[in-house]
Protein backbone atom coordinates (compact mmCIF):
# COMPACT_ATOMS: atom_id res chain seq x y z
CA MET A 1 -85.16 18.58 -108.78
CA THR A 2 -88.65 17.12 -108.63
CA ARG A 3 -87.90 13.76 -107.00
CA LEU A 4 -90.46 13.28 -104.21
CA LEU A 5 -89.03 10.26 -102.45
CA TYR A 6 -86.12 11.28 -100.21
CA ARG A 7 -84.17 8.50 -98.61
CA LYS A 8 -82.81 8.94 -95.10
CA ILE A 9 -79.20 7.99 -94.65
CA ALA A 10 -77.20 7.66 -91.47
CA LEU A 11 -74.22 9.97 -91.28
CA SER A 12 -71.23 9.01 -89.20
CA LEU A 13 -68.84 11.94 -89.21
CA LEU A 14 -65.21 11.17 -88.54
CA LEU A 15 -62.94 13.44 -86.54
CA PHE A 16 -62.77 16.75 -88.41
CA ILE A 17 -59.33 16.75 -89.99
CA THR A 18 -58.53 19.03 -92.87
CA ILE A 19 -55.48 19.75 -94.90
CA THR A 20 -54.83 23.48 -95.00
CA PRO A 21 -56.00 24.49 -98.47
CA LEU A 22 -53.84 26.43 -100.84
CA LEU A 23 -55.48 29.72 -101.79
CA ALA A 24 -57.02 29.21 -105.21
CA GLN A 25 -55.47 31.16 -108.03
CA TYR A 26 -58.86 31.37 -109.73
CA PRO A 27 -60.88 34.22 -108.19
CA ASN A 28 -64.20 32.99 -106.78
CA ILE A 29 -67.22 35.24 -107.33
CA MET A 30 -70.45 34.82 -105.41
CA ILE A 31 -73.23 35.34 -107.94
CA SER A 32 -76.08 35.43 -105.40
CA SER A 33 -77.41 34.09 -102.12
CA ARG A 34 -80.89 35.48 -102.76
CA ASP A 35 -83.87 33.10 -102.35
CA THR A 36 -81.76 30.02 -101.46
CA PRO A 37 -80.45 29.34 -104.97
CA GLU A 38 -79.27 25.88 -106.08
CA GLU A 39 -79.13 23.69 -109.20
CA PRO A 40 -77.49 26.40 -111.33
CA SER A 41 -76.93 26.74 -115.08
CA ILE A 42 -74.59 29.15 -116.90
CA ALA A 43 -73.90 30.19 -120.52
CA ILE A 44 -71.23 32.39 -122.13
CA ASP A 45 -72.24 34.27 -125.28
CA PRO A 46 -69.46 33.22 -127.72
CA ALA A 47 -69.98 36.36 -129.81
CA TYR A 48 -69.56 38.60 -126.75
CA PRO A 49 -67.77 36.52 -124.08
CA ASP A 50 -68.06 39.25 -121.46
CA ARG A 51 -71.82 38.68 -121.55
CA ILE A 52 -72.83 35.72 -119.39
CA ILE A 53 -76.23 34.56 -118.20
CA ALA A 54 -77.10 32.12 -115.43
CA GLY A 55 -80.07 30.73 -113.53
CA ALA A 56 -80.88 28.74 -110.39
CA ASN A 57 -83.84 27.06 -108.70
CA LEU A 58 -86.56 27.85 -108.47
CA GLN A 59 -86.82 30.96 -110.64
CA ALA A 60 -83.65 33.04 -110.28
CA TYR A 61 -81.89 34.60 -113.25
CA PHE A 62 -78.51 36.36 -113.29
CA TYR A 63 -76.67 38.43 -115.87
CA SER A 64 -73.17 39.84 -116.21
CA SER A 65 -71.63 42.16 -118.80
CA ASP A 66 -68.07 42.06 -117.45
CA GLY A 67 -67.15 38.40 -117.81
CA GLY A 68 -68.69 37.31 -114.53
CA SER A 69 -66.97 39.70 -112.13
CA THR A 70 -70.25 41.40 -111.18
CA TRP A 71 -73.84 40.22 -111.52
CA GLY A 72 -77.38 41.53 -111.64
CA ASN A 73 -80.30 39.31 -110.77
CA GLY A 74 -84.06 38.94 -110.83
CA LEU A 75 -86.88 36.41 -110.43
CA LEU A 76 -88.29 34.88 -113.60
CA GLN A 77 -92.06 35.16 -114.08
CA SER A 78 -94.41 33.60 -116.63
CA SER A 79 -98.05 34.57 -116.26
CA VAL A 80 -99.19 31.77 -118.58
CA TYR A 81 -97.00 28.82 -117.66
CA GLY A 82 -95.49 29.58 -114.24
CA VAL A 83 -91.92 28.69 -113.24
CA TRP A 84 -90.82 25.54 -111.38
CA GLY A 85 -87.08 25.09 -111.59
CA ASP A 86 -84.72 22.81 -113.55
CA PRO A 87 -83.05 25.84 -115.18
CA CYS A 88 -81.15 25.41 -118.44
CA LEU A 89 -79.71 28.48 -120.19
CA VAL A 90 -78.31 28.73 -123.73
CA VAL A 91 -77.41 31.54 -126.17
CA ASP A 92 -77.70 31.58 -129.99
CA THR A 93 -75.65 33.45 -132.61
CA LEU A 94 -78.17 36.32 -132.71
CA GLY A 95 -77.45 37.05 -129.07
CA TYR A 96 -80.85 35.75 -127.99
CA CYS A 97 -80.79 34.10 -124.57
CA TYR A 98 -83.08 31.18 -123.69
CA TYR A 99 -84.15 30.05 -120.24
CA PHE A 100 -85.74 26.58 -120.16
CA HIS A 101 -87.56 25.38 -117.06
CA LEU A 102 -90.48 23.34 -115.74
CA SER A 103 -94.02 24.69 -115.49
CA ASN A 104 -96.43 25.49 -112.68
CA PRO A 105 -99.31 27.05 -114.61
CA PRO A 106 -102.25 28.87 -113.02
CA ALA A 107 -104.50 26.94 -115.43
CA GLY A 108 -103.15 23.43 -115.77
CA ASN A 109 -101.18 20.89 -113.78
CA TRP A 110 -97.83 21.05 -112.00
CA ILE A 111 -94.89 20.35 -114.40
CA ASP A 112 -97.29 19.46 -117.24
CA ARG A 113 -95.01 21.00 -119.93
CA ILE A 114 -91.54 22.41 -120.61
CA VAL A 115 -91.25 26.21 -120.90
CA CYS A 116 -88.84 28.37 -122.92
CA GLN A 117 -88.50 32.08 -122.11
CA ARG A 118 -86.40 34.33 -124.33
CA SER A 119 -84.37 37.47 -123.69
CA THR A 120 -83.13 39.84 -126.40
CA ASP A 121 -81.22 42.18 -124.06
CA GLY A 122 -78.60 39.92 -122.54
CA GLY A 123 -80.76 38.44 -119.81
CA LEU A 124 -82.04 41.69 -118.28
CA THR A 125 -85.67 41.00 -119.25
CA TRP A 126 -87.52 37.89 -120.41
CA ASN A 127 -90.70 37.30 -122.42
CA ASP A 128 -93.65 35.31 -121.10
CA GLY A 129 -92.46 32.21 -122.92
CA THR A 130 -93.61 29.39 -125.15
CA ALA A 131 -94.15 25.78 -124.12
CA PHE A 132 -94.15 22.23 -125.44
CA GLY A 133 -94.73 18.66 -124.26
CA LEU A 134 -98.25 19.09 -122.86
CA ASN A 135 -99.79 15.62 -122.81
CA GLY A 136 -102.86 15.51 -120.61
CA ASN A 137 -101.93 15.04 -116.95
CA LYS A 138 -98.49 13.51 -117.61
CA GLN A 139 -95.46 15.21 -116.03
CA GLN A 140 -92.56 16.64 -118.05
CA ASP A 141 -89.22 16.79 -116.21
CA LYS A 142 -85.43 17.17 -116.41
CA GLU A 143 -85.14 19.07 -119.70
CA TRP A 144 -81.92 20.24 -121.37
CA ALA A 145 -81.32 22.27 -124.54
CA VAL A 146 -78.59 22.97 -127.09
CA VAL A 147 -78.27 25.47 -129.96
CA ASP A 148 -76.92 24.42 -133.36
CA ARG A 149 -74.78 27.47 -134.10
CA ALA A 150 -74.76 26.71 -137.83
CA THR A 151 -78.55 27.11 -138.09
CA ASN A 152 -79.71 28.50 -134.71
CA ASN A 153 -82.02 25.51 -134.42
CA ILE A 154 -82.73 24.71 -130.78
CA TYR A 155 -83.00 21.09 -129.65
CA VAL A 156 -84.47 19.97 -126.32
CA SER A 157 -84.71 16.52 -124.73
CA TRP A 158 -86.38 15.53 -121.44
CA THR A 159 -88.25 12.82 -119.50
CA GLU A 160 -91.99 12.31 -119.62
CA PHE A 161 -93.64 10.61 -116.60
CA ASP A 162 -97.00 8.87 -116.84
CA ASN A 163 -97.46 9.47 -113.11
CA TYR A 164 -94.55 11.04 -111.24
CA GLY A 165 -93.38 8.95 -108.28
CA SER A 166 -95.71 6.05 -109.05
CA THR A 167 -94.67 2.48 -108.26
CA ASP A 168 -97.43 1.06 -110.46
CA THR A 169 -95.78 -1.16 -113.10
CA THR A 170 -98.23 0.09 -115.72
CA ASP A 171 -96.79 3.63 -115.38
CA SER A 172 -93.59 4.39 -117.29
CA THR A 173 -91.14 7.08 -118.41
CA ARG A 174 -89.63 7.85 -121.80
CA ILE A 175 -87.13 10.29 -123.33
CA LEU A 176 -88.72 12.87 -125.64
CA PHE A 177 -87.27 15.39 -128.09
CA VAL A 178 -88.41 18.60 -129.84
CA ARG A 179 -86.79 21.28 -131.97
CA SER A 180 -87.43 24.90 -132.84
CA THR A 181 -86.35 26.49 -136.14
CA ASP A 182 -87.62 30.02 -135.34
CA GLN A 183 -85.73 31.08 -132.20
CA GLY A 184 -88.05 29.42 -129.73
CA LEU A 185 -91.35 30.83 -131.00
CA THR A 186 -92.78 27.46 -132.05
CA TRP A 187 -91.86 23.84 -131.40
CA SER A 188 -92.18 20.56 -133.25
CA GLU A 189 -94.31 17.69 -132.02
CA PRO A 190 -92.38 15.57 -129.49
CA LYS A 191 -90.58 12.48 -130.75
CA ARG A 192 -89.81 9.51 -128.52
CA LEU A 193 -86.12 8.56 -128.41
CA SER A 194 -85.83 5.82 -125.76
CA ARG A 195 -86.93 2.44 -127.07
CA GLN A 196 -86.84 0.95 -123.56
CA ALA A 197 -89.18 2.58 -121.07
CA GLY A 198 -88.30 3.26 -117.46
CA ASN A 199 -90.44 3.23 -114.34
CA CYS A 200 -91.87 6.36 -112.67
CA VAL A 201 -90.12 6.07 -109.29
CA ASP A 202 -87.52 8.70 -110.24
CA SER A 203 -84.61 6.44 -109.39
CA ASP A 204 -82.21 4.01 -111.08
CA SER A 205 -84.80 2.36 -113.34
CA THR A 206 -86.29 5.66 -114.51
CA VAL A 207 -84.97 7.00 -117.85
CA GLU A 208 -83.46 10.44 -117.17
CA GLY A 209 -80.48 12.66 -117.89
CA ALA A 210 -81.13 13.39 -121.59
CA VAL A 211 -78.68 16.12 -122.69
CA PRO A 212 -78.52 16.85 -126.46
CA ALA A 213 -75.32 17.68 -128.36
CA ILE A 214 -74.61 18.87 -131.92
CA GLY A 215 -72.30 17.06 -134.35
CA PRO A 216 -70.01 18.57 -137.04
CA GLU A 217 -72.59 18.12 -139.80
CA GLY A 218 -75.63 19.08 -137.76
CA GLN A 219 -76.16 15.62 -136.26
CA VAL A 220 -78.03 15.53 -132.96
CA TYR A 221 -76.79 13.20 -130.23
CA VAL A 222 -78.54 12.31 -126.96
CA ALA A 223 -77.56 9.91 -124.16
CA TRP A 224 -79.49 9.12 -120.97
CA SER A 225 -79.44 6.71 -118.04
CA GLY A 226 -81.97 4.07 -117.08
CA PRO A 227 -82.52 0.41 -116.21
CA SER A 228 -79.97 -0.81 -118.80
CA GLY A 229 -77.28 1.76 -117.98
CA ILE A 230 -76.39 4.63 -120.33
CA MET A 231 -78.06 4.51 -123.75
CA PHE A 232 -77.49 6.66 -126.85
CA ASP A 233 -79.47 7.77 -129.88
CA ARG A 234 -78.65 9.99 -132.85
CA SER A 235 -80.24 11.84 -135.73
CA SER A 236 -78.43 12.61 -139.00
CA ASP A 237 -81.11 15.01 -140.30
CA ARG A 238 -81.27 17.66 -137.56
CA GLY A 239 -83.66 15.79 -135.32
CA GLN A 240 -86.28 14.63 -137.80
CA THR A 241 -85.53 10.89 -137.70
CA TRP A 242 -83.66 8.70 -135.22
CA LEU A 243 -82.10 5.26 -134.99
CA PRO A 244 -84.49 2.31 -134.81
CA GLU A 245 -82.63 0.92 -131.77
CA ASP A 246 -80.71 2.61 -128.95
CA ILE A 247 -76.94 2.05 -128.59
CA PHE A 248 -75.42 0.93 -125.30
CA VAL A 249 -72.69 3.26 -123.94
CA SER A 250 -71.84 1.96 -120.47
CA ASP A 251 -73.21 0.26 -117.41
CA MET A 252 -73.65 2.28 -114.21
CA PRO A 253 -72.87 -0.06 -111.30
CA GLY A 254 -74.91 1.07 -108.33
CA GLY A 255 -77.26 3.02 -110.62
CA TRP A 256 -77.53 6.75 -111.25
CA ASP A 257 -79.30 7.49 -107.94
CA PHE A 258 -76.91 7.07 -105.01
CA ASN A 259 -76.12 8.33 -101.52
CA ILE A 260 -73.42 10.89 -100.71
CA PRO A 261 -72.98 11.77 -97.00
CA GLY A 262 -74.27 15.28 -96.32
CA ILE A 263 -76.27 15.48 -99.56
CA MET A 264 -80.05 15.03 -99.45
CA ARG A 265 -79.98 13.25 -102.80
CA CYS A 266 -77.41 12.83 -105.54
CA ASN A 267 -77.53 11.56 -109.09
CA GLY A 268 -74.86 10.67 -111.62
CA GLN A 269 -76.91 11.17 -114.79
CA PRO A 270 -74.90 11.57 -118.01
CA VAL A 271 -73.92 14.72 -119.89
CA THR A 272 -73.35 14.47 -123.66
CA CYS A 273 -71.03 16.76 -125.68
CA CYS A 274 -69.46 16.66 -129.14
CA ASP A 275 -66.29 18.32 -130.42
CA ILE A 276 -67.17 20.47 -133.44
CA SER A 277 -63.97 22.52 -133.27
CA ASN A 278 -61.40 22.44 -136.06
CA GLY A 279 -59.01 20.59 -133.78
CA PRO A 280 -57.64 17.03 -134.12
CA HIS A 281 -60.55 15.49 -132.20
CA ARG A 282 -63.35 17.03 -134.24
CA GLY A 283 -66.34 14.72 -134.29
CA ASN A 284 -65.55 12.95 -131.03
CA ILE A 285 -68.66 12.40 -128.88
CA TYR A 286 -68.24 12.35 -125.10
CA VAL A 287 -70.52 11.12 -122.33
CA ASN A 288 -69.64 12.11 -118.75
CA TRP A 289 -71.26 10.74 -115.58
CA SER A 290 -70.56 9.57 -112.03
CA ASP A 291 -71.25 6.22 -110.38
CA GLN A 292 -70.23 3.98 -107.50
CA ARG A 293 -68.69 1.05 -109.36
CA ASN A 294 -65.79 1.26 -106.89
CA GLY A 295 -68.02 1.22 -103.82
CA GLU A 296 -70.39 3.50 -101.92
CA THR A 297 -67.49 5.37 -100.28
CA ASP A 298 -65.65 5.91 -103.59
CA THR A 299 -67.89 7.71 -106.07
CA ASP A 300 -65.92 8.62 -109.21
CA ILE A 301 -66.30 10.75 -112.33
CA TRP A 302 -66.24 8.88 -115.65
CA LEU A 303 -66.03 9.56 -119.38
CA SER A 304 -66.69 7.40 -122.42
CA ARG A 305 -65.99 8.60 -125.94
CA SER A 306 -66.95 7.59 -129.44
CA THR A 307 -64.87 8.33 -132.53
CA ASP A 308 -67.32 6.77 -135.01
CA GLY A 309 -70.49 8.79 -134.55
CA GLY A 310 -71.71 6.80 -131.56
CA ASP A 311 -71.59 3.30 -133.06
CA SER A 312 -69.03 2.16 -130.49
CA TRP A 313 -67.81 3.53 -127.16
CA SER A 314 -64.61 3.37 -125.15
CA ALA A 315 -64.41 1.67 -121.79
CA PRO A 316 -65.04 4.19 -118.98
CA ILE A 317 -62.13 6.55 -118.36
CA ARG A 318 -61.68 7.78 -114.78
CA VAL A 319 -61.65 11.59 -114.81
CA ASN A 320 -60.66 12.32 -111.20
CA ASN A 321 -57.00 11.43 -110.62
CA ASP A 322 -56.85 11.06 -106.83
CA PRO A 323 -56.13 7.77 -105.05
CA PRO A 324 -59.15 5.52 -104.49
CA GLY A 325 -61.44 6.01 -101.53
CA LYS A 326 -62.86 9.55 -101.72
CA GLN A 327 -66.07 11.03 -103.10
CA GLN A 328 -66.41 12.97 -106.36
CA PHE A 329 -69.96 13.82 -107.48
CA PHE A 330 -72.33 16.23 -109.30
CA THR A 331 -70.35 16.32 -112.54
CA TRP A 332 -70.96 18.45 -115.61
CA MET A 333 -68.94 18.73 -118.82
CA THR A 334 -68.52 21.10 -121.74
CA VAL A 335 -66.32 21.23 -124.83
CA ASP A 336 -64.65 24.53 -125.71
CA GLN A 337 -65.50 24.61 -129.41
CA ALA A 338 -62.71 27.10 -130.11
CA THR A 339 -60.02 24.72 -128.80
CA GLY A 340 -61.57 21.26 -128.56
CA TYR A 341 -60.61 21.05 -124.87
CA LEU A 342 -62.86 19.13 -122.44
CA TRP A 343 -63.74 20.84 -119.16
CA VAL A 344 -65.39 18.85 -116.37
CA VAL A 345 -66.51 20.42 -113.05
CA PHE A 346 -67.40 18.38 -109.96
CA TYR A 347 -67.51 18.38 -106.16
CA ASP A 348 -64.49 16.67 -104.60
CA ARG A 349 -63.55 15.45 -101.08
CA ARG A 350 -60.05 14.12 -101.79
CA ASN A 351 -58.44 16.54 -99.33
CA TYR A 352 -60.47 15.69 -96.22
CA TYR A 353 -61.50 12.96 -93.82
CA ASP A 354 -64.98 14.37 -93.20
CA ILE A 355 -67.64 15.76 -95.57
CA SER A 356 -65.80 19.01 -96.30
CA THR A 357 -66.19 19.61 -100.02
CA ASP A 358 -64.11 21.42 -102.65
CA VAL A 359 -64.89 22.21 -106.28
CA TYR A 360 -62.52 20.78 -108.90
CA ILE A 361 -62.11 21.00 -112.64
CA ALA A 362 -60.63 18.29 -114.84
CA LEU A 363 -59.15 19.41 -118.16
CA SER A 364 -58.31 17.25 -121.16
CA ARG A 365 -56.44 18.59 -124.18
CA ASP A 366 -56.06 15.21 -125.87
CA GLY A 367 -59.62 14.20 -126.63
CA GLY A 368 -60.31 12.60 -123.27
CA GLU A 369 -57.25 10.34 -123.25
CA SER A 370 -56.04 11.93 -120.01
CA PHE A 371 -57.09 14.60 -117.54
CA THR A 372 -55.36 17.00 -115.21
CA ASN A 373 -57.31 17.97 -112.07
CA PHE A 374 -57.09 21.26 -110.21
CA LYS A 375 -59.02 22.84 -107.39
CA ILE A 376 -60.93 26.02 -108.21
CA SER A 377 -62.78 26.77 -104.96
CA GLU A 378 -60.94 29.06 -102.57
CA SER A 379 -62.24 27.27 -99.47
CA PRO A 380 -64.19 24.09 -98.67
CA PHE A 381 -67.76 24.05 -97.44
CA LEU A 382 -69.81 21.64 -95.33
CA PRO A 383 -73.12 20.60 -96.91
CA SER A 384 -76.10 19.51 -94.84
CA TYR A 385 -78.30 16.50 -95.50
CA TYR A 386 -81.29 18.62 -94.49
CA ILE A 387 -80.70 21.36 -97.08
CA PHE A 388 -81.44 20.51 -100.71
CA PHE A 389 -78.52 21.15 -103.11
CA GLY A 390 -80.34 20.58 -106.39
CA ASP A 391 -79.38 17.89 -108.89
CA TYR A 392 -76.53 19.44 -110.87
CA ASN A 393 -73.91 22.13 -111.34
CA ASN A 394 -72.84 23.44 -114.74
CA ILE A 395 -69.96 24.88 -116.79
CA SER A 396 -69.52 26.96 -119.95
CA ALA A 397 -66.34 27.58 -121.97
CA HIS A 398 -65.32 29.57 -125.03
CA ASN A 399 -61.78 30.11 -126.33
CA ASN A 400 -60.16 29.38 -122.92
CA ILE A 401 -62.66 31.58 -121.09
CA VAL A 402 -64.17 29.14 -118.63
CA ARG A 403 -67.02 29.79 -116.21
CA PRO A 404 -68.14 26.97 -113.92
CA ILE A 405 -71.09 27.48 -111.62
CA TRP A 406 -71.83 25.63 -108.39
CA THR A 407 -73.80 25.73 -105.13
CA ARG A 408 -72.21 25.99 -101.68
CA LEU A 409 -73.50 26.22 -98.12
CA ASP A 410 -72.17 28.52 -95.39
CA ASN A 411 -73.90 28.88 -92.01
CA ASP A 412 -77.03 27.21 -93.42
CA THR A 413 -77.13 29.76 -96.27
CA LEU A 414 -77.07 28.56 -99.88
CA SER A 415 -75.32 30.59 -102.55
CA VAL A 416 -74.20 30.08 -106.16
CA TRP A 417 -70.66 30.85 -107.30
CA THR A 418 -68.41 31.02 -110.33
CA ALA A 419 -64.65 31.18 -110.81
CA ILE A 420 -62.74 33.42 -113.22
CA ILE A 421 -60.68 31.04 -115.34
CA ASP A 422 -59.08 32.78 -118.33
CA SER A 423 -55.94 31.94 -120.25
CA VAL A 424 -55.07 35.65 -120.26
CA ASN A 425 -54.91 35.98 -116.48
CA THR A 426 -54.03 32.56 -115.09
CA ASP A 427 -52.01 29.44 -115.77
CA ILE A 428 -54.25 26.79 -117.25
CA PRO A 429 -52.48 23.56 -116.28
CA ASP A 430 -50.11 22.11 -118.83
CA LEU A 431 -50.49 18.50 -119.90
CA SER A 432 -46.98 17.94 -121.22
CA PRO A 433 -45.53 14.65 -119.97
CA ALA A 434 -42.47 13.73 -117.93
CA ILE A 435 -42.45 16.69 -115.59
CA VAL A 436 -40.89 14.98 -112.56
CA SER A 437 -37.31 13.76 -112.28
CA GLU A 438 -34.15 13.57 -110.15
CA GLN A 439 -35.68 11.98 -107.07
CA GLU A 440 -33.71 11.05 -103.98
CA SER A 441 -34.35 10.47 -100.29
CA TYR A 442 -31.81 10.72 -97.48
CA PRO A 443 -30.91 9.31 -95.07
CA ASN A 444 -32.32 5.95 -96.12
CA PRO A 445 -32.78 3.82 -94.00
CA PHE A 446 -33.69 6.29 -91.23
CA SER A 447 -34.90 6.28 -87.66
CA ASP A 448 -35.45 9.99 -86.91
CA GLN A 449 -36.40 11.82 -90.06
CA THR A 450 -35.74 11.70 -93.76
CA TYR A 451 -35.82 14.15 -96.66
CA TYR A 452 -37.23 13.78 -100.14
CA ALA A 453 -35.82 15.80 -103.04
CA PHE A 454 -37.39 16.10 -106.48
CA LYS A 455 -37.29 18.36 -109.51
CA LEU A 456 -40.10 19.84 -111.63
CA HIS A 457 -39.48 20.82 -115.23
CA ARG A 458 -42.46 23.15 -115.22
CA ARG A 459 -45.13 24.57 -112.94
CA ALA A 460 -47.42 21.79 -111.70
CA LEU A 461 -50.10 20.86 -109.19
CA VAL A 462 -48.32 18.50 -106.79
CA ASN A 463 -49.36 15.84 -104.28
CA LEU A 464 -46.69 14.21 -102.08
CA ASP A 465 -47.70 11.45 -99.65
CA VAL A 466 -46.07 8.69 -97.68
CA VAL A 467 -47.76 5.33 -98.29
CA ASP A 468 -47.28 1.83 -96.91
CA ILE A 469 -46.48 -1.26 -98.97
CA PHE A 470 -50.19 -1.67 -99.78
CA GLY A 471 -50.43 1.88 -101.20
CA ARG A 472 -52.37 3.21 -98.22
CA LYS A 473 -51.63 6.81 -97.33
CA VAL A 474 -50.05 7.21 -93.89
CA ALA A 475 -49.01 10.87 -94.12
CA GLY A 476 -49.64 13.86 -96.38
CA ILE A 477 -46.81 16.28 -97.13
CA LEU A 478 -48.03 18.28 -100.16
CA ASN A 479 -51.71 18.36 -101.00
CA ASN A 480 -52.74 19.84 -104.35
CA GLN A 481 -50.13 22.57 -104.14
CA TRP A 482 -48.92 24.58 -107.11
CA LEU A 483 -45.12 24.58 -107.40
CA ASP A 484 -43.02 26.39 -109.98
CA ALA A 485 -40.26 24.70 -111.95
CA GLY A 486 -37.22 23.93 -109.80
CA LYS A 487 -35.80 21.59 -107.17
CA PHE A 488 -37.65 20.95 -103.89
CA ILE A 489 -36.83 19.24 -100.59
CA ARG A 490 -39.49 18.11 -98.15
CA GLN A 491 -39.07 16.55 -94.69
CA PHE A 492 -40.85 13.53 -93.22
CA ASN A 493 -40.74 12.75 -89.51
CA PRO A 494 -42.71 9.59 -88.61
CA ALA A 495 -42.67 10.24 -84.84
CA GLY A 496 -46.00 12.07 -84.86
CA ASN A 497 -47.67 9.38 -86.98
CA ASP A 498 -47.04 6.46 -84.62
CA LEU A 499 -45.77 4.27 -87.44
CA PRO A 500 -44.23 0.84 -86.94
CA SER A 501 -40.86 0.12 -88.47
CA GLY A 502 -40.96 -1.19 -92.03
CA VAL A 503 -40.90 -0.29 -95.70
CA TYR A 504 -42.71 2.82 -96.93
CA TYR A 505 -42.74 4.91 -100.10
CA PHE A 506 -42.75 8.57 -101.00
CA ARG A 507 -45.50 8.90 -103.62
CA LEU A 508 -45.29 11.97 -105.84
CA ARG A 509 -48.22 12.76 -108.16
CA THR A 510 -48.60 15.60 -110.67
CA GLY A 511 -51.85 14.94 -112.51
CA ASP A 512 -50.36 13.20 -115.54
CA LYS A 513 -47.63 11.23 -113.75
CA GLU A 514 -46.89 9.35 -110.55
CA GLN A 515 -43.53 8.25 -109.12
CA GLN A 516 -42.63 6.34 -105.96
CA ARG A 517 -39.40 6.03 -104.01
CA LYS A 518 -38.80 3.35 -101.39
CA ILE A 519 -37.73 4.31 -97.86
CA VAL A 520 -36.96 2.09 -94.86
CA TYR A 521 -38.01 3.19 -91.37
CA LEU A 522 -35.98 1.55 -88.60
CA GLY A 523 -38.35 2.61 -85.84
CA LYS A 524 -37.88 4.84 -82.80
């Protein structure tokens, strides 16, 4: 959130056309609109899942004792170190809550260290904090933390700037790491992880996005983005020593700093997680990011995974399952360590022709092999290029209790929200295959109208479009609509679409499967 160089982009808004959204079956809860919150973080206490903490720029904290249905709030204060955003919240097995953020000390320099403040009462009150990373006048930025629940060690990684925003080639950035073995009271000396330095511009060639993860045997994993793409490092002794050379994960065509219409700035920096559940994918390491390898108008969400401790990585797997051509951005990922499921939250514009924005989740139950996508926001919102949205959203999950957190804008007012996603009160989408069958269209050929019939074996999130022979959508019939098991008939009348005669296709998509059926339009 500290990038100083904002780039102006020209917005050309198309005619405002929306597809009437289906009411979300996941209740949306506004956490707060106090003090223009953005860039939120959230954490479920696995020992007491009804207890949830959250934070937002610049110094907001939130707490809930009823699973996120209602929230209290306050403004974080630190008399010694000050508070300057980039919130990251985690919880240990003792029930201690930790709020990491940047500094703005009364005696010192702006963002000259990383601060950790602790709460022992579920986020109602916070101590004055401890700090680490102070290195003269250098700036410390973009921190993230993780708790090893086997030891309660806390690990933090971040970016150190020689001179924030500098274009001088003698100034550089590096990824640093510390740990605490006493619940955040003291911190180790920082260790440098990134072998290749980045510049200080706070853009594609700056090393940023370091998010630590814990392995099954207490390994510590960190990936970040920079001039060579996404790089990875690991420690096999709880953060004391690291690899002599970084491992390449993936390129990031277009870089991690890119333009999204209506967003002041947007980054696709990576998020690292590891499956330490007792499920079949235990030990898998996942890195999730977004980039514009498919073009500036087609930002996508990606995942790469390693099954050998980070030595090798899969080719990027596309997480969003919509047709090409729409924007998905601001991704964050978590692994539910009770189930091994991957949960990815992101902004999504697949349903609109303007900058209207929904919030989606992608769920994988098969170790990242495939994802089902479903909308969780009850209504879209319109962001504004002139109102800062922060640099990330966040998500937390435990035993099928899932709490995403995101920022939205309504009437120039920012607010942060969550959704109540529980296996006990909602249908988490199934990933079983072969759910669509018995297709037919009639009459075919047709000149007036035609009907498409299909059958679902189970409840599913359905998209039904008419596309031309090049796969381009010419009409939408069902758009991310939940349908129960059964047989369905939908009508298509081309008269209102001004279509020429020719060959078209009904395209039916259900997250894990797509089918097409040819139709011939004879013209008016």
